[in-house]
Protein backbone atom coordinates (compact mmCIF):
# COMPACT_ATOMS: atom_id res chain seq x y z
CA MET A 1 -15.32 78.94 47.01
CA ALA A 2 -15.63 75.24 47.82
CA GLU A 3 -16.21 72.86 44.87
CA GLN A 4 -19.78 71.79 44.67
CA TYR A 5 -20.37 68.14 45.45
CA THR A 6 -21.79 66.15 42.49
CA PRO A 7 -23.67 62.91 43.31
CA HIS A 8 -22.80 59.68 41.52
CA LEU A 9 -24.32 56.19 41.28
CA TYR A 10 -22.40 53.57 43.19
CA LEU A 11 -22.74 49.88 42.45
CA LEU A 12 -21.71 47.22 44.91
CA PHE A 13 -20.30 43.77 43.73
CA ASP A 14 -19.36 40.63 45.49
CA ASP A 15 -16.41 40.04 43.25
CA TRP A 16 -13.22 40.37 45.42
CA HIS A 17 -11.50 37.55 47.15
CA SER A 18 -11.49 39.34 50.47
CA GLY A 19 -14.96 41.12 50.22
CA PHE A 20 -16.70 43.58 47.98
CA SER A 21 -15.92 46.30 45.38
CA ILE A 22 -17.61 49.56 44.73
CA ARG A 23 -17.87 50.94 41.25
CA LYS A 24 -18.59 54.62 40.59
CA VAL A 25 -20.81 55.36 37.63
CA SER A 26 -21.38 58.92 36.21
CA LEU A 27 -24.86 59.33 34.87
CA SER A 28 -24.04 62.65 33.37
CA ARG A 29 -24.56 62.83 29.59
CA ARG A 30 -21.48 65.03 29.31
CA SER A 31 -19.15 62.76 31.38
CA GLY A 32 -17.77 61.17 28.18
CA LYS A 33 -16.41 58.28 30.19
CA GLN A 34 -18.82 55.54 29.16
CA PRO A 35 -20.50 55.06 25.72
CA LEU A 36 -24.31 55.38 25.74
CA SER A 37 -26.55 52.97 24.10
CA SER A 38 -30.03 52.66 22.77
CA ALA A 39 -32.74 51.50 25.12
CA SER A 40 -33.95 49.11 22.44
CA GLY A 41 -30.76 47.23 21.95
CA LYS A 42 -27.42 46.05 23.60
CA GLU A 43 -24.94 47.09 20.91
CA GLY A 44 -23.46 49.61 23.28
CA VAL A 45 -22.56 47.22 26.09
CA VAL A 46 -19.47 48.25 27.99
CA PRO A 47 -17.76 46.86 31.09
CA VAL A 48 -18.73 48.40 34.41
CA PRO A 49 -16.21 51.18 35.50
CA GLU A 50 -13.00 50.34 37.31
CA VAL A 51 -13.09 49.59 41.11
CA PHE A 52 -13.57 52.77 43.07
CA MET A 53 -13.00 51.13 46.47
CA HIS A 54 -12.47 47.72 47.98
CA ILE A 55 -14.15 46.77 51.25
CA ARG A 56 -12.89 43.97 53.29
CA ALA A 57 -15.83 42.06 54.69
CA PRO A 58 -17.37 38.66 55.03
CA ARG A 59 -18.65 37.74 51.56
CA GLY A 60 -22.07 36.65 50.65
CA PHE A 61 -23.96 39.39 52.47
CA PRO A 62 -24.59 42.31 50.06
CA ASP A 63 -27.85 43.18 51.79
CA LEU A 64 -25.92 44.26 54.83
CA PHE A 65 -25.00 47.46 53.06
CA THR A 66 -27.18 50.58 53.30
CA SER A 67 -26.83 54.27 52.71
CA ALA A 68 -27.23 56.70 55.63
CA PHE A 69 -26.32 60.15 56.88
CA GLY A 70 -25.99 61.90 53.66
CA THR A 71 -23.09 60.71 51.54
CA LYS A 72 -22.03 57.61 53.49
CA ILE A 73 -22.40 53.86 52.73
CA MET A 74 -22.79 51.87 55.90
CA ALA A 75 -21.79 48.28 56.25
CA MET A 76 -23.56 46.35 59.08
CA HIS A 77 -21.52 43.18 59.32
CA THR A 78 -20.97 40.59 62.04
CA ILE A 79 -17.58 41.73 62.76
CA ARG A 80 -18.21 45.48 62.99
CA ALA A 81 -20.07 48.17 61.34
CA ARG A 82 -18.36 50.80 59.18
CA THR A 83 -19.18 54.00 57.38
CA ILE A 84 -17.56 54.86 54.18
CA GLU A 85 -17.00 58.31 52.97
CA GLN A 86 -14.12 58.46 50.51
CA THR A 87 -12.21 56.51 53.14
CA ILE A 88 -13.24 53.73 55.51
CA THR A 89 -13.89 54.48 59.12
CA PHE A 90 -15.02 51.98 61.66
CA GLY A 91 -18.37 52.38 63.41
CA PRO A 92 -20.27 50.53 66.11
CA GLN A 93 -20.34 46.89 67.11
CA PRO A 94 -23.70 45.63 65.88
CA CYS A 95 -26.25 44.89 68.56
CA THR A 96 -26.75 41.43 67.06
CA TYR A 97 -26.03 39.15 64.13
CA TYR A 98 -27.97 40.50 61.27
CA CYS A 99 -29.37 38.00 58.74
CA PHE A 100 -31.84 39.83 56.55
CA PRO A 101 -31.83 43.48 58.02
CA ILE A 102 -34.21 46.26 56.93
CA CYS A 103 -32.56 49.58 57.53
CA PHE A 104 -34.28 52.92 58.08
CA PRO A 105 -31.92 55.88 58.06
CA ILE A 106 -33.51 58.76 59.87
CA GLY A 107 -32.18 62.36 59.64
CA ALA A 108 -28.47 63.05 59.88
CA ASN A 109 -27.52 60.58 62.74
CA ARG A 110 -30.02 57.91 63.47
CA LEU A 111 -30.28 54.48 61.88
CA PHE A 112 -32.95 51.87 62.93
CA VAL A 113 -32.41 48.24 61.86
CA LEU A 114 -35.17 45.59 61.92
CA ASP A 115 -34.24 41.95 61.73
CA THR A 116 -35.60 38.64 62.84
CA GLY A 117 -36.68 39.08 66.42
CA ARG A 118 -34.79 42.32 66.71
CA PHE A 119 -35.24 46.16 66.37
CA ASP A 120 -32.28 48.27 67.17
CA ARG A 121 -31.34 51.96 67.07
CA TYR A 122 -27.90 53.47 66.32
CA LEU A 123 -26.94 56.99 67.13
CA TRP A 124 -24.02 58.49 65.29
CA THR A 125 -22.21 61.40 67.04
CA PRO A 126 -18.98 61.98 64.99
CA GLU A 127 -17.88 64.82 67.31
CA HIS A 128 -17.05 62.14 69.93
CA SER A 129 -14.14 60.66 68.13
CA GLU A 130 -13.26 58.16 70.79
CA GLU A 131 -16.84 56.61 70.81
CA PRO A 132 -18.86 58.14 67.96
CA TRP A 133 -21.54 55.46 68.19
CA GLY A 134 -24.44 54.68 70.60
CA SER A 135 -26.79 51.79 70.32
CA GLN A 136 -30.07 50.75 71.87
CA VAL A 137 -32.16 47.47 71.65
CA LEU A 138 -35.75 48.46 71.21
CA PRO A 139 -38.93 46.42 71.91
CA ARG A 140 -39.81 43.87 69.25
CA PRO A 141 -42.46 44.85 66.71
CA PRO A 142 -45.88 43.06 66.68
CA PHE A 143 -44.93 41.23 63.45
CA ASN A 144 -42.33 38.97 62.00
CA SER A 145 -39.77 40.79 59.81
CA ALA A 146 -39.97 37.90 57.37
CA ASP A 147 -43.58 38.98 56.68
CA VAL A 148 -42.64 42.53 55.73
CA SER A 149 -43.74 43.11 52.16
CA SER A 150 -43.02 46.95 51.81
CA TYR A 151 -41.73 49.92 53.79
CA GLY A 152 -40.78 53.51 53.75
CA VAL A 153 -39.92 56.58 55.95
CA LEU A 154 -42.18 59.62 55.95
CA PRO A 155 -40.50 63.12 55.96
CA ASP A 156 -41.46 63.58 59.56
CA GLY A 157 -39.36 60.57 60.58
CA CYS A 158 -42.27 58.04 60.94
CA ILE A 159 -41.45 54.56 59.68
CA LEU A 160 -44.22 52.66 57.73
CA VAL A 161 -44.07 48.87 57.35
CA SER A 162 -46.59 46.71 55.57
CA THR A 163 -46.88 43.02 56.31
CA THR A 164 -48.40 40.16 54.50
CA LYS A 165 -49.29 38.44 57.82
CA SER A 166 -50.10 39.87 61.27
CA PHE A 167 -52.61 39.68 63.95
CA GLY A 168 -55.80 40.44 62.06
CA GLY A 169 -54.40 39.88 58.58
CA ALA A 170 -52.20 42.00 56.17
CA ARG A 171 -51.83 45.57 57.39
CA THR A 172 -49.54 48.51 57.73
CA PHE A 173 -47.86 49.49 61.02
CA ILE A 174 -46.28 52.91 61.94
CA PHE A 175 -43.37 53.74 64.29
CA ASP A 176 -42.79 57.27 65.39
CA THR A 177 -39.05 57.80 65.76
CA THR A 178 -39.54 61.28 67.48
CA LYS A 179 -41.19 59.76 70.47
CA GLU A 180 -39.56 58.06 73.35
CA GLU A 181 -42.30 55.43 73.87
CA HIS A 182 -40.86 53.18 71.09
CA VAL A 183 -44.14 51.57 70.16
CA TRP A 184 -45.36 50.13 66.84
CA LYS A 185 -48.98 50.98 66.31
CA PRO A 186 -51.43 49.52 63.77
CA CYS A 187 -51.94 52.21 61.19
CA CYS A 188 -54.53 50.83 58.71
CA ASN A 189 -55.87 47.75 57.12
CA TRP A 190 -54.15 48.34 53.71
CA VAL A 191 -50.78 47.63 52.54
CA LEU A 192 -48.28 49.66 50.31
CA PRO A 193 -48.78 48.43 46.75
CA PHE A 194 -45.19 47.92 45.87
CA THR A 195 -42.51 45.46 47.00
CA GLY A 196 -39.63 46.30 49.28
CA ARG A 197 -38.51 49.85 49.83
CA GLY A 198 -40.59 52.86 48.81
CA HIS A 199 -39.15 56.36 48.19
CA TYR A 200 -41.08 59.36 49.41
CA VAL A 201 -41.50 61.98 46.68
CA LEU A 202 -42.64 65.32 47.87
CA SER A 203 -43.99 66.43 44.39
CA LEU A 204 -46.18 63.32 44.22
CA GLY A 205 -47.15 63.34 47.90
CA GLY A 206 -46.57 59.63 48.50
CA PHE A 207 -44.23 56.70 48.21
CA VAL A 208 -42.93 55.32 44.84
CA GLY A 209 -41.89 51.78 44.57
CA LEU A 210 -41.46 48.79 42.25
CA SER A 211 -43.77 45.94 42.19
CA LYS A 212 -43.04 42.26 41.28
CA ASP A 213 -45.10 42.57 38.19
CA GLY A 214 -42.80 45.21 36.70
CA TYR A 215 -44.86 48.32 37.32
CA LEU A 216 -44.12 51.51 39.33
CA TYR A 217 -46.71 52.43 41.98
CA CYS A 218 -47.20 55.65 43.90
CA SER A 219 -49.33 55.42 47.06
CA THR A 220 -50.28 58.85 48.61
CA MET A 221 -50.13 59.09 52.27
CA ALA A 222 -53.16 61.22 53.27
CA ALA A 223 -54.79 57.96 54.31
CA THR A 224 -52.41 57.61 57.30
CA THR A 225 -54.32 60.27 59.16
CA THR A 226 -57.86 59.67 57.71
CA GLY A 227 -57.91 55.95 58.01
CA THR A 228 -59.19 55.64 54.46
CA SER A 229 -57.53 53.59 51.63
CA PRO A 230 -54.71 55.38 49.92
CA ASP A 231 -54.90 56.90 46.36
CA VAL A 232 -52.72 54.50 44.29
CA LYS A 233 -51.42 55.45 40.90
CA ARG A 234 -49.56 53.09 38.46
CA THR A 235 -47.47 53.54 35.37
CA LYS A 236 -49.16 52.35 32.16
CA GLU A 237 -46.15 50.47 30.94
CA LYS A 238 -43.80 47.98 32.73
CA VAL A 239 -40.30 49.07 33.38
CA TYR A 240 -38.76 45.64 33.38
CA THR A 241 -37.06 44.17 30.44
CA GLU A 242 -39.45 41.51 29.11
CA ARG A 243 -38.38 37.80 29.45
CA GLN A 244 -34.79 38.74 30.38
CA HIS A 245 -35.51 40.39 33.70
CA VAL A 246 -33.86 38.76 36.80
CA SER A 247 -33.89 41.43 39.62
CA ALA A 248 -33.95 45.11 39.94
CA THR A 249 -33.39 48.14 42.35
CA LEU A 250 -35.04 51.46 42.15
CA VAL A 251 -32.66 54.34 43.20
CA HIS A 252 -34.10 57.77 43.96
CA MET A 253 -32.08 60.65 42.70
CA GLY A 254 -34.28 63.39 44.14
CA GLN A 255 -36.97 65.60 42.89
CA GLY A 256 -38.94 62.78 41.25
CA LYS A 257 -35.96 61.51 39.22
CA PHE A 258 -35.04 57.89 39.50
CA CYS A 259 -32.55 55.31 38.14
CA LEU A 260 -33.65 51.64 37.62
CA VAL A 261 -30.74 49.39 38.06
CA GLU A 262 -31.91 46.07 36.35
CA CYS A 263 -30.10 42.69 36.13
CA VAL A 264 -31.04 41.04 32.95
CA SER A 265 -30.10 37.67 31.51
CA SER A 266 -27.69 38.02 28.51
CA ASP A 267 -28.41 34.41 27.36
CA ASN A 268 -31.14 34.47 24.70
CA ARG A 269 -31.83 30.81 25.13
CA ILE A 270 -33.38 31.10 28.59
CA THR A 271 -35.47 33.67 30.33
CA GLY A 272 -34.32 35.77 33.25
CA GLN A 273 -36.81 33.84 35.44
CA ASP A 274 -35.33 30.49 34.39
CA LEU A 275 -31.76 31.70 35.17
CA MET A 276 -32.80 33.03 38.56
CA GLU A 277 -34.58 29.69 39.48
CA SER A 278 -31.63 27.60 38.38
CA CYS A 279 -29.45 29.54 40.71
CA VAL A 280 -31.93 29.45 43.62
CA GLU A 281 -32.24 25.70 43.44
CA LEU A 282 -28.45 25.16 43.21
CA ASN A 283 -29.05 21.65 41.91
CA GLU A 284 -27.50 22.12 38.49
CA PRO A 285 -24.54 24.55 38.55
CA LEU A 286 -24.54 26.89 35.46
CA ASP A 287 -20.91 26.34 34.88
CA GLU A 288 -19.40 22.88 34.23
CA ASP A 289 -16.23 23.77 36.21
CA VAL A 290 -18.16 24.61 39.35
CA ASP A 291 -17.38 21.77 41.92
CA ASP A 292 -17.44 23.68 45.16
CA MET A 293 -20.59 25.15 46.64
CA SER A 294 -18.64 28.09 47.80
CA ASP A 295 -18.52 29.31 44.22
CA PHE A 296 -22.17 30.03 44.57
CA VAL A 297 -21.67 32.45 47.46
CA GLY A 298 -21.91 36.03 46.49
CA GLY A 299 -24.17 39.00 45.76
CA GLY A 300 -24.17 39.08 41.93
CA PRO A 301 -24.34 36.98 38.93
CA GLN A 302 -21.21 35.63 37.19
CA GLY A 303 -19.85 37.83 34.36
CA GLY A 304 -21.19 36.84 30.99
CA ARG A 305 -24.45 35.34 32.37
CA CYS A 306 -26.05 38.74 32.98
CA MET A 307 -25.75 42.47 32.38
CA TYR A 308 -26.91 45.51 34.18
CA HIS A 309 -29.33 47.88 32.31
CA LEU A 310 -29.40 51.41 33.85
CA ARG A 311 -32.29 53.60 32.91
CA THR A 312 -33.01 57.04 34.35
CA PHE A 313 -36.41 58.79 34.16
CA ASN A 314 -38.64 61.39 35.84
CA LEU A 315 -42.01 60.58 37.28
CA SER A 316 -45.10 62.83 37.46
CA TYR A 317 -48.76 62.39 37.26
CA ASP A 318 -50.52 62.55 33.89
CA PRO A 319 -52.61 65.68 33.14
CA LYS A 320 -55.82 63.96 34.39
CA GLY A 321 -54.05 62.49 37.41
CA ASP A 322 -55.26 59.03 36.63
CA CYS A 323 -51.81 57.36 36.33
CA LEU A 324 -48.03 57.93 36.76
CA LYS A 325 -46.27 59.42 33.71
CA LEU A 326 -42.76 58.15 33.06
CA LYS A 327 -40.53 60.43 30.98
CA SER A 328 -37.19 58.74 30.13
CA CYS A 329 -34.28 61.05 30.29
CA LYS A 330 -32.70 61.45 26.89
CA GLY A 331 -29.69 59.33 26.17
CA GLN A 332 -29.84 57.86 29.68
CA SER A 333 -30.15 54.20 28.96
CA ARG A 334 -27.03 52.14 29.39
CA TRP A 335 -25.93 48.45 29.32
CA TYR A 336 -23.02 47.16 31.36
CA SER A 337 -21.38 43.86 31.34
CA LEU A 338 -20.49 42.66 34.87
CA PRO A 339 -17.24 41.70 36.52
CA HIS A 340 -16.25 38.19 35.64
CA GLU A 341 -15.47 37.46 39.33
CA ALA A 342 -18.93 38.22 40.56
CA LYS A 343 -20.51 35.10 41.98
CA ILE A 344 -23.86 33.66 40.87
CA GLY A 345 -25.22 32.24 44.10
CA SER A 346 -27.30 35.37 45.06
CA LEU A 347 -28.51 36.09 41.53
CA PHE A 348 -32.03 36.35 42.92
CA MET A 349 -30.96 39.24 45.16
CA ASP A 350 -31.66 42.84 43.92
CA PRO A 351 -28.61 44.83 42.76
CA VAL A 352 -27.00 47.01 45.56
CA ALA A 353 -26.85 50.57 44.39
CA PHE A 354 -26.59 54.04 45.95
CA TRP A 355 -26.98 57.55 44.86
CA LEU A 356 -24.52 59.68 46.84
């Protein structure tokens, strides 16, 4: 009998002189590989696990990584795209130079990529070993990718994108990936209530996502067919670490279970927002020995400035259905110090994390 595959959390860091590293984190309480800590303190801070894999790639572009096709991590870079599944295999030549791509994995072999003035589709056919990839440039959407505020993929393969600006004001568009017409259509005059990617949760009947104010929101999707405003529920409490919060990524682990990967400031003298703004401005380097702007290039904060707080929990509706109920998983709050080599220039970017 084949051994059952156990998913893990994978964290990506821009901390290698030739590219990136991937660290494999076990969230199992019985793993025994990492000490657990209290959610209210940082006395249990431990280093992130050893490097699981190095990826040679142009540095400074962690947002060019995405997860797709089950257990694969895909790197969409200017040189070439790659899929990673235990070992690295090379994929297609990207259709264009991606600056700030938004990736939509669909099913087992399709990946749609939205970028400034571009919308492309990749088809992965591994049975054709000589040329396993196909690509197609699709018509441009009726909105600017820079105006996208939130997005998600429905179980039927339809892509939803909410924009802050468009013809007629903020609204949501839909793209049916099952049809050959390749047309973005206005869906409704409301927008998804969270920021960035939303995860569809079958048990909740809608998308779950993080907002900038630190709450979790769920937006039910019955409104996509009725044209009415969606039913939106919110957690009563914030999930961010007060004052120290810098950035965060919400990882869906399936069946309503999530892991929040939060970057927090470890310097009690300044808030996380202060630290982030100082990095964005790049006017006053945080380290006295920084004399080259290249030191600011990277996808993570410099070790010692920040930590990662990993927190796992389950989401459901409260008995009255008035709000989202968050139930933290016992013993599943951890604090990790970050690799010293990780750069600080892209501190404002959200952590890159995958559940595979």
